[in-house]
Structure formats: C-alpha cells, structure tokens
Amino acid sequence: MADGAPDPTETVAARRDGAHALVAPEDAGLPIVARGVAYVSGTTAILDGVDLDVARGRRLLVIGPNGSGKSTLLRLLHGLLPPTRGTLRWGSSLARPRNHAMVFQRPVLLRRSASANIAYALELANVRGAAADRRILAALSDVGLLGVGDRPARVLSGGEQQQLWAAHQPAAQLQQLHLPAR
C-alpha cells in the first residue's frame, strides 16, 4: 500500500527455504458466485440470468456453439467485464482478486523459448536456480509440453500456446485460471 502499511488482503508466510512469500487469504476470490448475471452489448443480450457457483478445487467446463457467450461469461467471471445486471462475488468480496489469470484465445507470450516464458514468470515470483528449473519441468510436463521447452513459444500451435500459458498457473501459484475455447 502507498503508506507502507501491509495490505490487509495478504499475509506473509515463511517458506521452507527461509524466504518469505505473500500468501492470499483462504477465500482468495473463491468461490465465485454469480447471481442473475446478464450482459448486454448495445441492444443484444449476450447472457441473461446466469446463476453459477465455482468452488475451490472444482473444475468448470463451459460448452456451447460459437457466439453463445462462453468467452463473455469467462470475462465476467474474471472481472474483466462488469455485468449489466446481477451480482458477482469473489470469495467474500465484490472486488476482483489479483491472484487470478485468464488465458485469452491468443495468449501473450514473450519472444523466448517455452521454458524461458515460464522462467520469466518464476523470476517475477522470486523463484530462481534449481527450484525454478524443477518448477519449469514440472509445469511443462503437467500441460503435456515437456518436449517443446526449447522451441520458440511463438511458433507453437495455438493450443500449445494456451497450454504453455496455463503452465504459468502452478509455477506462479495462481488460484484460478480461465481459458476461453478456441
């Protein structure tokens, strides 16, 4: 915070290696609760009357034809769009949490290798050296990209690019990841 006081939404926890890390509170923006959520663009109702609960540790699959509002729903749930009607809560708050991430249909990747993209996220989280190397391999393995770590990220297929971006979630210890369909 600007005055140097600790942010009440975060606590400091000691890690086994003796370093300290900011840790989000238990609710960390979960569950996400949508009640009567609607989104109108111009005169077109994109979504109307959405009631939804997304609990911690649960996976949600949104299926529908092109143009049915799947990406709009994810943007609303992520707090990137305000609902036209209804309410969205993230945990105990009406404010969107900072520890969520959304992979857009075309994720933004650095002009580096797949491994270096994850390494950069880890560097920002102050994870370096052997610990970072282990997390990079684990993250690439978790998303099925272990064999492409040395390839330039921008030459990967669209699906592989989304998988690569998804690999940042465990590496950076994010609470949620929202993935729109391709």
Foldseek 3Di string as FASTA:
>chain_A
DVVPDDDPQWDWDADPVRDIAIDGPPLLQPWKFWAQFWADDPNRTLDGGDTDTRGFPDDDDDDDDPSNCQVVVLCCSQVVDPTPDTAIGRRPHSDHGPLEEEAELQRDADQAFLLVRLLVLLVVRVDDDPRSVVLSCVLCVVLVNNPRRHPGLVVDDSVVNSSSVVSNCVSNVGRYYHYGDD
